[in-house]
Amino acid sequence: MTVEFREIEQRALAIRQQYEVWEMERYGRSWTREEIAMGFVGDVGDLFKLLLAHEGVRHIPDKEAKLAHELADCLWSLLVLAQKYEIDLEQAFINTMNELEEHINDKRTAS
């Protein structure tokens, strides 16, 4: 199944909107950008534990499925943060990959 980046982004933001409704019902306010960022940091910590499990340092049952889930969870957080900070993540990714490619090509030709 091939899905375009914008479709993934739209789905992520639609789910974030559902969470905002729930947060308003439960807490009377939605999470701030900083709280979303803290959630992302927690997700990265969970991701690291799963990477350690894949390297044999930790034992986590069903680590393959959990790793896939956590990678997707981190992507969701990044998409939400990009929207909250008005970053076109697709274009930023393209630009950054172009810069990295140019950088490595320069290094390789300088060797």
PDB file of N, CA and C in Angstrom:
ATOM      1  N   MET A   1       0.838  -1.171   0.000  1.00  0.00           N
ATOM      2  CA  MET A   1       0.000   0.000   0.000  1.00  0.00           C
ATOM      3  C   MET A   1       0.892   1.245   0.000  1.00  0.00           C
ATOM      4  N   THR A   2       0.765   2.057  -1.002  1.00  0.00           N
ATOM      5  CA  THR A   2       1.529   3.291  -1.096  1.00  0.00           C
ATOM      6  C   THR A   2       0.661   4.458  -0.657  1.00  0.00           C
ATOM      7  N   VAL A   3       1.190   5.234   0.260  1.00  0.00           N
ATOM      8  CA  VAL A   3       0.475   6.393   0.772  1.00  0.00           C
ATOM      9  C   VAL A   3       1.397   7.599   0.613  1.00  0.00           C
ATOM     10  N   GLU A   4       0.846   8.688   0.162  1.00  0.00           N
ATOM     11  CA  GLU A   4       1.615   9.918   0.001  1.00  0.00           C
ATOM     12  C   GLU A   4       1.893  10.552   1.367  1.00  0.00           C
ATOM     13  N   PHE A   5       2.974  11.307   1.429  1.00  0.00           N
ATOM     14  CA  PHE A   5       3.357  11.971   2.674  1.00  0.00           C
ATOM     15  C   PHE A   5       2.221  12.827   3.219  1.00  0.00           C
ATOM     16  N   ARG A   6       1.579  13.598   2.369  1.00  0.00           N
ATOM     17  CA  ARG A   6       0.512  14.502   2.826  1.00  0.00           C
ATOM     18  C   ARG A   6      -0.662  13.725   3.426  1.00  0.00           C
ATOM     19  N   GLU A   7      -0.920  12.519   2.911  1.00  0.00           N
ATOM     20  CA  GLU A   7      -1.989  11.697   3.486  1.00  0.00           C
ATOM     21  C   GLU A   7      -1.623  11.249   4.901  1.00  0.00           C
ATOM     22  N   ILE A   8      -0.367  10.869   5.079  1.00  0.00           N
ATOM     23  CA  ILE A   8       0.109  10.471   6.406  1.00  0.00           C
ATOM     24  C   ILE A   8       0.007  11.659   7.357  1.00  0.00           C
ATOM     25  N   GLU A   9       0.447  12.812   6.878  1.00  0.00           N
ATOM     26  CA  GLU A   9       0.398  14.032   7.681  1.00  0.00           C
ATOM     27  C   GLU A   9      -1.040  14.379   8.073  1.00  0.00           C
ATOM     28  N   GLN A  10      -1.952  14.331   7.129  1.00  0.00           N
ATOM     29  CA  GLN A  10      -3.357  14.648   7.404  1.00  0.00           C
ATOM     30  C   GLN A  10      -3.954  13.682   8.417  1.00  0.00           C
ATOM     31  N   ARG A  11      -3.633  12.408   8.287  1.00  0.00           N
ATOM     32  CA  ARG A  11      -4.142  11.411   9.238  1.00  0.00           C
ATOM     33  C   ARG A  11      -3.607  11.682  10.639  1.00  0.00           C
ATOM     34  N   ALA A  12      -2.321  11.980  10.726  1.00  0.00           N
ATOM     35  CA  ALA A  12      -1.705  12.271  12.021  1.00  0.00           C
ATOM     36  C   ALA A  12      -2.362  13.478  12.678  1.00  0.00           C
ATOM     37  N   LEU A  13      -2.610  14.517  11.900  1.00  0.00           N
ATOM     38  CA  LEU A  13      -3.191  15.740  12.454  1.00  0.00           C
ATOM     39  C   LEU A  13      -4.658  15.548  12.821  1.00  0.00           C
ATOM     40  N   ALA A  14      -5.364  14.722  12.063  1.00  0.00           N
ATOM     41  CA  ALA A  14      -6.764  14.429  12.394  1.00  0.00           C
ATOM     42  C   ALA A  14      -6.852  13.683  13.727  1.00  0.00           C
ATOM     43  N   ILE A  15      -5.942  12.756  13.945  1.00  0.00           N
ATOM     44  CA  ILE A  15      -5.935  12.020  15.212  1.00  0.00           C
ATOM     45  C   ILE A  15      -5.536  12.949  16.352  1.00  0.00           C
ATOM     46  N   ARG A  16      -4.587  13.855  16.092  1.00  0.00           N
ATOM     47  CA  ARG A  16      -4.219  14.840  17.124  1.00  0.00           C
ATOM     48  C   ARG A  16      -5.417  15.703  17.501  1.00  0.00           C
ATOM     49  N   GLN A  17      -6.242  16.069  16.516  1.00  0.00           N
ATOM     50  CA  GLN A  17      -7.453  16.851  16.801  1.00  0.00           C
ATOM     51  C   GLN A  17      -8.396  16.077  17.715  1.00  0.00           C
ATOM     52  N   GLN A  18      -8.498  14.772  17.499  1.00  0.00           N
ATOM     53  CA  GLN A  18      -9.344  13.955  18.365  1.00  0.00           C
ATOM     54  C   GLN A  18      -8.808  13.966  19.798  1.00  0.00           C
ATOM     55  N   TYR A  19      -7.489  13.892  19.933  1.00  0.00           N
ATOM     56  CA  TYR A  19      -6.893  13.977  21.268  1.00  0.00           C
ATOM     57  C   TYR A  19      -7.158  15.336  21.901  1.00  0.00           C
ATOM     58  N   GLU A  20      -7.118  16.407  21.106  1.00  0.00           N
ATOM     59  CA  GLU A  20      -7.384  17.741  21.648  1.00  0.00           C
ATOM     60  C   GLU A  20      -8.809  17.844  22.191  1.00  0.00           C
ATOM     61  N   VAL A  21      -9.763  17.239  21.504  1.00  0.00           N
ATOM     62  CA  VAL A  21     -11.147  17.220  21.992  1.00  0.00           C
ATOM     63  C   VAL A  21     -11.199  16.481  23.328  1.00  0.00           C
ATOM     64  N   TRP A  22     -10.563  15.329  23.396  1.00  0.00           N
ATOM     65  CA  TRP A  22     -10.544  14.540  24.628  1.00  0.00           C
ATOM     66  C   TRP A  22      -9.862  15.308  25.759  1.00  0.00           C
ATOM     67  N   GLU A  23      -8.740  15.968  25.461  1.00  0.00           N
ATOM     68  CA  GLU A  23      -8.032  16.752  26.476  1.00  0.00           C
ATOM     69  C   GLU A  23      -8.907  17.890  27.002  1.00  0.00           C
ATOM     70  N   MET A  24      -9.640  18.539  26.115  1.00  0.00           N
ATOM     71  CA  MET A  24     -10.549  19.616  26.533  1.00  0.00           C
ATOM     72  C   MET A  24     -11.631  19.070  27.460  1.00  0.00           C
ATOM     73  N   GLU A  25     -12.171  17.907  27.116  1.00  0.00           N
ATOM     74  CA  GLU A  25     -13.207  17.291  27.950  1.00  0.00           C
ATOM     75  C   GLU A  25     -12.645  16.894  29.315  1.00  0.00           C
ATOM     76  N   ARG A  26     -11.450  16.367  29.316  1.00  0.00           N
ATOM     77  CA  ARG A  26     -10.874  15.840  30.543  1.00  0.00           C
ATOM     78  C   ARG A  26     -10.189  16.900  31.402  1.00  0.00           C
ATOM     79  N   TYR A  27      -9.421  17.789  30.762  1.00  0.00           N
ATOM     80  CA  TYR A  27      -8.593  18.745  31.505  1.00  0.00           C
ATOM     81  C   TYR A  27      -9.035  20.201  31.355  1.00  0.00           C
ATOM     82  N   GLY A  28      -9.957  20.450  30.432  1.00  0.00           N
ATOM     83  CA  GLY A  28     -10.384  21.817  30.198  1.00  0.00           C
ATOM     84  C   GLY A  28      -9.447  22.608  29.307  1.00  0.00           C
ATOM     85  N   ARG A  29      -8.432  21.938  28.767  1.00  0.00           N
ATOM     86  CA  ARG A  29      -7.488  22.559  27.844  1.00  0.00           C
ATOM     87  C   ARG A  29      -6.762  21.454  27.077  1.00  0.00           C
ATOM     88  N   SER A  30      -6.204  21.827  25.951  1.00  0.00           N
ATOM     89  CA  SER A  30      -5.418  20.846  25.204  1.00  0.00           C
ATOM     90  C   SER A  30      -3.940  21.020  25.543  1.00  0.00           C
ATOM     91  N   TRP A  31      -3.164  20.017  25.226  1.00  0.00           N
ATOM     92  CA  TRP A  31      -1.734  20.060  25.509  1.00  0.00           C
ATOM     93  C   TRP A  31      -1.087  21.231  24.783  1.00  0.00           C
ATOM     94  N   THR A  32      -0.106  21.828  25.425  1.00  0.00           N
ATOM     95  CA  THR A  32       0.690  22.883  24.803  1.00  0.00           C
ATOM     96  C   THR A  32       1.729  22.252  23.875  1.00  0.00           C
ATOM     97  N   ARG A  33       2.370  23.083  23.094  1.00  0.00           N
ATOM     98  CA  ARG A  33       3.441  22.577  22.230  1.00  0.00           C
ATOM     99  C   ARG A  33       4.548  21.944  23.071  1.00  0.00           C
ATOM    100  N   GLU A  34       4.829  22.548  24.213  1.00  0.00           N
ATOM    101  CA  GLU A  34       5.875  22.014  25.084  1.00  0.00           C
ATOM    102  C   GLU A  34       5.496  20.640  25.629  1.00  0.00           C
ATOM    103  N   GLU A  35       4.237  20.465  25.984  1.00  0.00           N
ATOM    104  CA  GLU A  35       3.789  19.165  26.493  1.00  0.00           C
ATOM    105  C   GLU A  35       3.830  18.109  25.396  1.00  0.00           C
ATOM    106  N   ILE A  36       3.495  18.504  24.186  1.00  0.00           N
ATOM    107  CA  ILE A  36       3.597  17.570  23.061  1.00  0.00           C
ATOM    108  C   ILE A  36       5.058  17.176  22.863  1.00  0.00           C
ATOM    109  N   ALA A  37       5.967  18.150  22.976  1.00  0.00           N
ATOM    110  CA  ALA A  37       7.395  17.866  22.840  1.00  0.00           C
ATOM    111  C   ALA A  37       7.873  16.929  23.950  1.00  0.00           C
ATOM    112  N   MET A  38       7.379  17.129  25.180  1.00  0.00           N
ATOM    113  CA  MET A  38       7.745  16.225  26.278  1.00  0.00           C
ATOM    114  C   MET A  38       7.242  14.810  26.003  1.00  0.00           C
ATOM    115  N   GLY A  39       6.046  14.699  25.431  1.00  0.00           N
ATOM    116  CA  GLY A  39       5.536  13.387  25.049  1.00  0.00           C
ATOM    117  C   GLY A  39       6.435  12.722  24.021  1.00  0.00           C
ATOM    118  N   PHE A  40       6.938  13.515  23.073  1.00  0.00           N
ATOM    119  CA  PHE A  40       7.858  12.997  22.061  1.00  0.00           C
ATOM    120  C   PHE A  40       9.149  12.494  22.708  1.00  0.00           C
ATOM    121  N   VAL A  41       9.667  13.236  23.673  1.00  0.00           N
ATOM    122  CA  VAL A  41      10.878  12.809  24.374  1.00  0.00           C
ATOM    123  C   VAL A  41      10.638  11.465  25.061  1.00  0.00           C
ATOM    124  N   GLY A  42       9.469  11.301  25.662  1.00  0.00           N
ATOM    125  CA  GLY A  42       9.119  10.015  26.266  1.00  0.00           C
ATOM    126  C   GLY A  42       9.064   8.907  25.232  1.00  0.00           C
ATOM    127  N   ASP A  43       8.508   9.215  24.059  1.00  0.00           N
ATOM    128  CA  ASP A  43       8.454   8.229  22.974  1.00  0.00           C
ATOM    129  C   ASP A  43       9.858   7.827  22.531  1.00  0.00           C
ATOM    130  N   VAL A  44      10.764   8.796  22.456  1.00  0.00           N
ATOM    131  CA  VAL A  44      12.143   8.499  22.060  1.00  0.00           C
ATOM    132  C   VAL A  44      12.806   7.607  23.107  1.00  0.00           C
ATOM    133  N   GLY A  45      12.515   7.846  24.376  1.00  0.00           N
ATOM    134  CA  GLY A  45      13.031   6.970  25.425  1.00  0.00           C
ATOM    135  C   GLY A  45      12.515   5.546  25.272  1.00  0.00           C
ATOM    136  N   ASP A  46      11.232   5.410  24.985  1.00  0.00           N
ATOM    137  CA  ASP A  46      10.655   4.081  24.746  1.00  0.00           C
ATOM    138  C   ASP A  46      11.296   3.429  23.523  1.00  0.00           C
ATOM    139  N   LEU A  47      11.528   4.217  22.489  1.00  0.00           N
ATOM    140  CA  LEU A  47      12.174   3.708  21.279  1.00  0.00           C
ATOM    141  C   LEU A  47      13.565   3.185  21.605  1.00  0.00           C
ATOM    142  N   PHE A  48      14.309   3.925  22.398  1.00  0.00           N
ATOM    143  CA  PHE A  48      15.663   3.504  22.747  1.00  0.00           C
ATOM    144  C   PHE A  48      15.661   2.180  23.502  1.00  0.00           C
ATOM    145  N   LYS A  49      14.726   1.997  24.421  1.00  0.00           N
ATOM    146  CA  LYS A  49      14.624   0.728  25.147  1.00  0.00           C
ATOM    147  C   LYS A  49      14.389  -0.428  24.182  1.00  0.00           C
ATOM    148  N   LEU A  50      13.557  -0.193  23.174  1.00  0.00           N
ATOM    149  CA  LEU A  50      13.278  -1.246  22.198  1.00  0.00           C
ATOM    150  C   LEU A  50      14.491  -1.515  21.315  1.00  0.00           C
ATOM    151  N   LEU A  51      15.252  -0.488  21.000  1.00  0.00           N
ATOM    152  CA  LEU A  51      16.489  -0.693  20.238  1.00  0.00           C
ATOM    153  C   LEU A  51      17.480  -1.513  21.055  1.00  0.00           C
ATOM    154  N   LEU A  52      17.551  -1.237  22.350  1.00  0.00           N
ATOM    155  CA  LEU A  52      18.406  -2.041  23.223  1.00  0.00           C
ATOM    156  C   LEU A  52      17.955  -3.500  23.237  1.00  0.00           C
ATOM    157  N   ALA A  53      16.661  -3.721  23.227  1.00  0.00           N
ATOM    158  CA  ALA A  53      16.138  -5.092  23.181  1.00  0.00           C
ATOM    159  C   ALA A  53      16.557  -5.776  21.887  1.00  0.00           C
ATOM    160  N   HIS A  54      16.524  -5.047  20.787  1.00  0.00           N
ATOM    161  CA  HIS A  54      16.933  -5.624  19.506  1.00  0.00           C
ATOM    162  C   HIS A  54      18.421  -5.937  19.480  1.00  0.00           C
ATOM    163  N   GLU A  55      19.202  -5.229  20.278  1.00  0.00           N
ATOM    164  CA  GLU A  55      20.642  -5.482  20.357  1.00  0.00           C
ATOM    165  C   GLU A  55      20.979  -6.510  21.434  1.00  0.00           C
ATOM    166  N   GLY A  56      19.960  -7.044  22.103  1.00  0.00           N
ATOM    167  CA  GLY A  56      20.165  -8.084  23.096  1.00  0.00           C
ATOM    168  C   GLY A  56      20.520  -7.582  24.488  1.00  0.00           C
ATOM    169  N   VAL A  57      20.421  -6.280  24.722  1.00  0.00           N
ATOM    170  CA  VAL A  57      20.779  -5.702  26.016  1.00  0.00           C
ATOM    171  C   VAL A  57      19.607  -5.755  26.996  1.00  0.00           C
ATOM    172  N   ARG A  58      18.408  -5.747  26.481  1.00  0.00           N
ATOM    173  CA  ARG A  58      17.198  -5.814  27.309  1.00  0.00           C
ATOM    174  C   ARG A  58      16.308  -6.925  26.771  1.00  0.00           C
ATOM    175  N   HIS A  59      15.464  -7.435  27.643  1.00  0.00           N
ATOM    176  CA  HIS A  59      14.478  -8.419  27.196  1.00  0.00           C
ATOM    177  C   HIS A  59      13.102  -7.751  27.188  1.00  0.00           C
ATOM    178  N   ILE A  60      12.532  -7.659  25.990  1.00  0.00           N
ATOM    179  CA  ILE A  60      11.183  -7.124  25.839  1.00  0.00           C
ATOM    180  C   ILE A  60      10.427  -8.077  24.919  1.00  0.00           C
ATOM    181  N   PRO A  61       9.382  -8.730  25.425  1.00  0.00           N
ATOM    182  CA  PRO A  61       8.601  -9.625  24.567  1.00  0.00           C
ATOM    183  C   PRO A  61       7.966  -8.856  23.408  1.00  0.00           C
ATOM    184  N   ASP A  62       7.864  -9.515  22.264  1.00  0.00           N
ATOM    185  CA  ASP A  62       7.205  -8.942  21.080  1.00  0.00           C
ATOM    186  C   ASP A  62       7.872  -7.641  20.633  1.00  0.00           C
ATOM    187  N   LYS A  63       9.207  -7.634  20.716  1.00  0.00           N
ATOM    188  CA  LYS A  63       9.951  -6.400  20.455  1.00  0.00           C
ATOM    189  C   LYS A  63       9.824  -5.901  19.022  1.00  0.00           C
ATOM    190  N   GLU A  64       9.633  -6.793  18.049  1.00  0.00           N
ATOM    191  CA  GLU A  64       9.522  -6.348  16.653  1.00  0.00           C
ATOM    192  C   GLU A  64       8.280  -5.489  16.442  1.00  0.00           C
ATOM    193  N   ALA A  65       7.149  -5.975  16.902  1.00  0.00           N
ATOM    194  CA  ALA A  65       5.900  -5.223  16.752  1.00  0.00           C
ATOM    195  C   ALA A  65       5.945  -3.937  17.569  1.00  0.00           C
ATOM    196  N   LYS A  66       6.526  -4.010  18.753  1.00  0.00           N
ATOM    197  CA  LYS A  66       6.611  -2.822  19.606  1.00  0.00           C
ATOM    198  C   LYS A  66       7.544  -1.772  19.004  1.00  0.00           C
ATOM    199  N   LEU A  67       8.624  -2.220  18.361  1.00  0.00           N
ATOM    200  CA  LEU A  67       9.536  -1.278  17.711  1.00  0.00           C
ATOM    201  C   LEU A  67       8.841  -0.567  16.554  1.00  0.00           C
ATOM    202  N   ALA A  68       8.117  -1.312  15.743  1.00  0.00           N
ATOM    203  CA  ALA A  68       7.376  -0.704  14.630  1.00  0.00           C
ATOM    204  C   ALA A  68       6.373   0.314  15.160  1.00  0.00           C
ATOM    205  N   HIS A  69       5.671  -0.052  16.215  1.00  0.00           N
ATOM    206  CA  HIS A  69       4.695   0.861  16.826  1.00  0.00           C
ATOM    207  C   HIS A  69       5.375   2.138  17.321  1.00  0.00           C
ATOM    208  N   GLU A  70       6.487   1.984  18.012  1.00  0.00           N
ATOM    209  CA  GLU A  70       7.150   3.156  18.605  1.00  0.00           C
ATOM    210  C   GLU A  70       7.749   4.067  17.540  1.00  0.00           C
ATOM    211  N   LEU A  71       8.284   3.491  16.465  1.00  0.00           N
ATOM    212  CA  LEU A  71       8.776   4.319  15.358  1.00  0.00           C
ATOM    213  C   LEU A  71       7.633   5.137  14.763  1.00  0.00           C
ATOM    214  N   ALA A  72       6.483   4.494  14.587  1.00  0.00           N
ATOM    215  CA  ALA A  72       5.314   5.202  14.052  1.00  0.00           C
ATOM    216  C   ALA A  72       4.829   6.259  15.033  1.00  0.00           C
ATOM    217  N   ASP A  73       4.878   5.961  16.314  1.00  0.00           N
ATOM    218  CA  ASP A  73       4.477   6.923  17.340  1.00  0.00           C
ATOM    219  C   ASP A  73       5.385   8.157  17.303  1.00  0.00           C
ATOM    220  N   CYS A  74       6.688   7.935  17.139  1.00  0.00           N
ATOM    221  CA  CYS A  74       7.633   9.055  17.034  1.00  0.00           C
ATOM    222  C   CYS A  74       7.353   9.880  15.781  1.00  0.00           C
ATOM    223  N   LEU A  75       7.060   9.212  14.679  1.00  0.00           N
ATOM    224  CA  LEU A  75       6.733   9.933  13.449  1.00  0.00           C
ATOM    225  C   LEU A  75       5.492  10.791  13.663  1.00  0.00           C
ATOM    226  N   TRP A  76       4.486  10.228  14.316  1.00  0.00           N
ATOM    227  CA  TRP A  76       3.264  10.987  14.611  1.00  0.00           C
ATOM    228  C   TRP A  76       3.597  12.252  15.400  1.00  0.00           C
ATOM    229  N   SER A  77       4.409  12.103  16.443  1.00  0.00           N
ATOM    230  CA  SER A  77       4.786  13.263  17.250  1.00  0.00           C
ATOM    231  C   SER A  77       5.522  14.305  16.418  1.00  0.00           C
ATOM    232  N   LEU A  78       6.417  13.868  15.552  1.00  0.00           N
ATOM    233  CA  LEU A  78       7.150  14.807  14.696  1.00  0.00           C
ATOM    234  C   LEU A  78       6.214  15.546  13.754  1.00  0.00           C
ATOM    235  N   LEU A  79       5.264  14.836  13.186  1.00  0.00           N
ATOM    236  CA  LEU A  79       4.304  15.472  12.284  1.00  0.00           C
ATOM    237  C   LEU A  79       3.464  16.509  13.021  1.00  0.00           C
ATOM    238  N   VAL A  80       3.046  16.176  14.224  1.00  0.00           N
ATOM    239  CA  VAL A  80       2.244  17.107  15.023  1.00  0.00           C
ATOM    240  C   VAL A  80       3.084  18.323  15.417  1.00  0.00           C
ATOM    241  N   LEU A  81       4.305  18.090  15.871  1.00  0.00           N
ATOM    242  CA  LEU A  81       5.170  19.211  16.253  1.00  0.00           C
ATOM    243  C   LEU A  81       5.456  20.125  15.067  1.00  0.00           C
ATOM    244  N   ALA A  82       5.693  19.539  13.910  1.00  0.00           N
ATOM    245  CA  ALA A  82       5.945  20.351  12.716  1.00  0.00           C
ATOM    246  C   ALA A  82       4.750  21.252  12.428  1.00  0.00           C
ATOM    247  N   GLN A  83       3.553  20.708  12.543  1.00  0.00           N
ATOM    248  CA  GLN A  83       2.350  21.510  12.298  1.00  0.00           C
ATOM    249  C   GLN A  83       2.214  22.602  13.352  1.00  0.00           C
ATOM    250  N   LYS A  84       2.467  22.265  14.601  1.00  0.00           N
ATOM    251  CA  LYS A  84       2.334  23.242  15.689  1.00  0.00           C
ATOM    252  C   LYS A  84       3.323  24.398  15.533  1.00  0.00           C
ATOM    253  N   TYR A  85       4.487  24.118  14.948  1.00  0.00           N
ATOM    254  CA  TYR A  85       5.510  25.149  14.752  1.00  0.00           C
ATOM    255  C   TYR A  85       5.535  25.674  13.312  1.00  0.00           C
ATOM    256  N   GLU A  86       4.501  25.323  12.542  1.00  0.00           N
ATOM    257  CA  GLU A  86       4.321  25.809  11.171  1.00  0.00           C
ATOM    258  C   GLU A  86       5.518  25.496  10.271  1.00  0.00           C
ATOM    259  N   ILE A  87       5.973  24.248  10.355  1.00  0.00           N
ATOM    260  CA  ILE A  87       7.066  23.758   9.524  1.00  0.00           C
ATOM    261  C   ILE A  87       6.480  22.823   8.478  1.00  0.00           C
ATOM    262  N   ASP A  88       6.818  23.058   7.220  1.00  0.00           N
ATOM    263  CA  ASP A  88       6.446  22.131   6.151  1.00  0.00           C
ATOM    264  C   ASP A  88       7.474  21.005   6.196  1.00  0.00           C
ATOM    265  N   LEU A  89       7.139  19.941   6.922  1.00  0.00           N
ATOM    266  CA  LEU A  89       8.094  18.867   7.171  1.00  0.00           C
ATOM    267  C   LEU A  89       8.503  18.151   5.893  1.00  0.00           C
ATOM    268  N   GLU A  90       7.584  17.985   4.976  1.00  0.00           N
ATOM    269  CA  GLU A  90       7.931  17.333   3.711  1.00  0.00           C
ATOM    270  C   GLU A  90       9.013  18.139   2.993  1.00  0.00           C
ATOM    271  N   GLN A  91       8.818  19.437   2.867  1.00  0.00           N
ATOM    272  CA  GLN A  91       9.802  20.273   2.178  1.00  0.00           C
ATOM    273  C   GLN A  91      11.101  20.358   2.970  1.00  0.00           C
ATOM    274  N   ALA A  92      10.994  20.446   4.286  1.00  0.00           N
ATOM    275  CA  ALA A  92      12.193  20.484   5.127  1.00  0.00           C
ATOM    276  C   ALA A  92      13.002  19.203   4.967  1.00  0.00           C
ATOM    277  N   PHE A  93      12.317  18.071   4.879  1.00  0.00           N
ATOM    278  CA  PHE A  93      13.001  16.791   4.696  1.00  0.00           C
ATOM    279  C   PHE A  93      13.718  16.765   3.353  1.00  0.00           C
ATOM    280  N   ILE A  94      13.033  17.176   2.298  1.00  0.00           N
ATOM    281  CA  ILE A  94      13.644  17.200   0.965  1.00  0.00           C
ATOM    282  C   ILE A  94      14.873  18.103   0.976  1.00  0.00           C
ATOM    283  N   ASN A  95      14.733  19.297   1.532  1.00  0.00           N
ATOM    284  CA  ASN A  95      15.857  20.234   1.590  1.00  0.00           C
ATOM    285  C   ASN A  95      17.029  19.657   2.378  1.00  0.00           C
ATOM    286  N   THR A  96      16.735  19.051   3.514  1.00  0.00           N
ATOM    287  CA  THR A  96      17.787  18.489   4.358  1.00  0.00           C
ATOM    288  C   THR A  96      18.484  17.322   3.669  1.00  0.00           C
ATOM    289  N   MET A  97      17.731  16.461   2.999  1.00  0.00           N
ATOM    290  CA  MET A  97      18.357  15.349   2.285  1.00  0.00           C
ATOM    291  C   MET A  97      19.252  15.862   1.159  1.00  0.00           C
ATOM    292  N   ASN A  98      18.817  16.903   0.472  1.00  0.00           N
ATOM    293  CA  ASN A  98      19.650  17.510  -0.570  1.00  0.00           C
ATOM    294  C   ASN A  98      20.943  18.059   0.024  1.00  0.00           C
ATOM    295  N   GLU A  99      20.839  18.732   1.161  1.00  0.00           N
ATOM    296  CA  GLU A  99      22.023  19.274   1.831  1.00  0.00           C
ATOM    297  C   GLU A  99      22.962  18.160   2.282  1.00  0.00           C
ATOM    298  N   LEU A 100      22.404  17.104   2.871  1.00  0.00           N
ATOM    299  CA  LEU A 100      23.234  15.984   3.319  1.00  0.00           C
ATOM    300  C   LEU A 100      23.915  15.294   2.143  1.00  0.00           C
ATOM    301  N   GLU A 101      23.176  15.126   1.061  1.00  0.00           N
ATOM    302  CA  GLU A 101      23.750  14.493  -0.126  1.00  0.00           C
ATOM    303  C   GLU A 101      24.900  15.335  -0.682  1.00  0.00           C
ATOM    304  N   GLU A 102      24.686  16.634  -0.750  1.00  0.00           N
ATOM    305  CA  GLU A 102      25.745  17.525  -1.232  1.00  0.00           C
ATOM    306  C   GLU A 102      26.958  17.460  -0.301  1.00  0.00           C
ATOM    307  N   HIS A 103      26.701  17.438   1.003  1.00  0.00           N
ATOM    308  CA  HIS A 103      27.775  17.381   1.994  1.00  0.00           C
ATOM    309  C   HIS A 103      28.601  16.103   1.846  1.00  0.00           C
ATOM    310  N   ILE A 104      27.943  14.962   1.736  1.00  0.00           N
ATOM    311  CA  ILE A 104      28.691  13.703   1.628  1.00  0.00           C
ATOM    312  C   ILE A 104      29.409  13.610   0.287  1.00  0.00           C
ATOM    313  N   ASN A 105      28.795  14.126  -0.771  1.00  0.00           N
ATOM    314  CA  ASN A 105      29.466  14.129  -2.073  1.00  0.00           C
ATOM    315  C   ASN A 105      30.710  15.003  -2.036  1.00  0.00           C
ATOM    316  N   ASP A 106      30.630  16.151  -1.367  1.00  0.00           N
ATOM    317  CA  ASP A 106      31.803  17.017  -1.214  1.00  0.00           C
ATOM    318  C   ASP A 106      32.903  16.308  -0.437  1.00  0.00           C
ATOM    319  N   LYS A 107      32.536  15.603   0.626  1.00  0.00           N
ATOM    320  CA  LYS A 107      33.517  14.862   1.423  1.00  0.00           C
ATOM    321  C   LYS A 107      34.182  13.764   0.599  1.00  0.00           C
ATOM    322  N   ARG A 108      33.379  13.072  -0.202  1.00  0.00           N
ATOM    323  CA  ARG A 108      33.915  11.957  -0.988  1.00  0.00           C
ATOM    324  C   ARG A 108      34.845  12.450  -2.087  1.00  0.00           C
ATOM    325  N   THR A 109      34.506  13.581  -2.703  1.00  0.00           N
ATOM    326  CA  THR A 109      35.372  14.099  -3.772  1.00  0.00           C
ATOM    327  C   THR A 109      36.625  14.750  -3.200  1.00  0.00           C
ATOM    328  N   ALA A 110      36.583  15.202  -1.937  1.00  0.00           N
ATOM    329  CA  ALA A 110      37.755  15.807  -1.302  1.00  0.00           C
ATOM    330  C   ALA A 110      38.757  14.748  -0.844  1.00  0.00           C
ATOM    331  N   SER A 111      38.322  13.504  -0.754  1.00  0.00           N
ATOM    332  CA  SER A 111      39.197  12.423  -0.263  1.00  0.00           C
ATOM    333  C   SER A 111      40.157  11.962  -1.324  1.00  0.00           C
TER     334      SER A 111
END
